[in-house]
């Protein structure tokens, strides 16, 4: 968990950031048929 000098929001913000890095990499290598969730870049280009 968070260290005594670190607020929980700072700790979980770092953890979320690390998780998103891994997800971003997976989105690039996963086939669209296997990745059923919308990819992060897709909603940016929906008309």
C-alpha atoms as a PDB file:
ATOM      1  CA  UNK A   1       0.000   0.000   0.000  1.00  0.00           C
ATOM      2  CA  UNK A   2       0.952   3.623   0.268  1.00  0.00           C
ATOM      3  CA  UNK A   3       4.024   4.520   2.247  1.00  0.00           C
ATOM      4  CA  UNK A   4       3.636   6.807   5.292  1.00  0.00           C
ATOM      5  CA  UNK A   5       4.873   9.780   3.251  1.00  0.00           C
ATOM      6  CA  UNK A   6       2.736   9.006   0.218  1.00  0.00           C
ATOM      7  CA  UNK A   7      -0.967   9.754  -0.025  1.00  0.00           C
ATOM      8  CA  UNK A   8      -3.145   6.879  -1.264  1.00  0.00           C
ATOM      9  CA  UNK A   9      -4.182   8.888  -4.326  1.00  0.00           C
ATOM     10  CA  UNK A  10      -0.511   9.317  -5.294  1.00  0.00           C
ATOM     11  CA  UNK A  11       0.171   5.612  -4.815  1.00  0.00           C
ATOM     12  CA  UNK A  12      -2.826   4.462  -6.838  1.00  0.00           C
ATOM     13  CA  UNK A  13      -2.148   7.075  -9.505  1.00  0.00           C
ATOM     14  CA  UNK A  14       1.295   5.547 -10.036  1.00  0.00           C
ATOM     15  CA  UNK A  15      -0.141   2.033 -10.106  1.00  0.00           C
ATOM     16  CA  UNK A  16      -2.802   3.031 -12.636  1.00  0.00           C
ATOM     17  CA  UNK A  17      -0.209   4.705 -14.808  1.00  0.00           C
ATOM     18  CA  UNK A  18       1.888   1.527 -14.865  1.00  0.00           C
ATOM     19  CA  UNK A  19      -1.157  -0.574 -15.675  1.00  0.00           C
ATOM     20  CA  UNK A  20      -2.115   1.700 -18.569  1.00  0.00           C
ATOM     21  CA  UNK A  21       1.386   1.391 -20.034  1.00  0.00           C
ATOM     22  CA  UNK A  22       0.938  -2.387 -20.237  1.00  0.00           C
ATOM     23  CA  UNK A  23      -2.560  -2.087 -21.676  1.00  0.00           C
ATOM     24  CA  UNK A  24      -1.344   0.329 -24.353  1.00  0.00           C
ATOM     25  CA  UNK A  25       1.304  -2.179 -25.418  1.00  0.00           C
ATOM     26  CA  UNK A  26      -1.245  -5.011 -25.509  1.00  0.00           C
ATOM     27  CA  UNK A  27      -3.584  -2.947 -27.691  1.00  0.00           C
ATOM     28  CA  UNK A  28      -0.846  -2.587 -30.277  1.00  0.00           C
ATOM     29  CA  UNK A  29      -0.028  -6.288 -30.525  1.00  0.00           C
ATOM     30  CA  UNK A  30      -3.445  -7.896 -29.968  1.00  0.00           C
ATOM     31  CA  UNK A  31      -5.525  -8.820 -32.979  1.00  0.00           C
ATOM     32  CA  UNK A  32      -8.818  -6.914 -33.230  1.00  0.00           C
ATOM     33  CA  UNK A  33     -10.742 -10.197 -33.151  1.00  0.00           C
ATOM     34  CA  UNK A  34      -9.215 -11.041 -29.771  1.00  0.00           C
ATOM     35  CA  UNK A  35      -9.401  -7.516 -28.297  1.00  0.00           C
ATOM     36  CA  UNK A  36     -13.146  -6.995 -27.974  1.00  0.00           C
ATOM     37  CA  UNK A  37     -12.931  -3.745 -26.026  1.00  0.00           C
ATOM     38  CA  UNK A  38     -12.634  -0.426 -27.854  1.00  0.00           C
ATOM     39  CA  UNK A  39      -9.007   0.557 -28.178  1.00  0.00           C
ATOM     40  CA  UNK A  40      -8.012   3.883 -26.672  1.00  0.00           C
ATOM     41  CA  UNK A  41      -7.374   5.512 -30.065  1.00  0.00           C
ATOM     42  CA  UNK A  42     -10.651   4.336 -31.649  1.00  0.00           C
ATOM     43  CA  UNK A  43     -13.108   6.707 -29.924  1.00  0.00           C
ATOM     44  CA  UNK A  44     -11.011   9.612 -31.145  1.00  0.00           C
ATOM     45  CA  UNK A  45     -11.912   8.847 -34.767  1.00  0.00           C
ATOM     46  CA  UNK A  46     -15.560   7.803 -34.520  1.00  0.00           C
ATOM     47  CA  UNK A  47     -17.819  10.092 -36.539  1.00  0.00           C
END
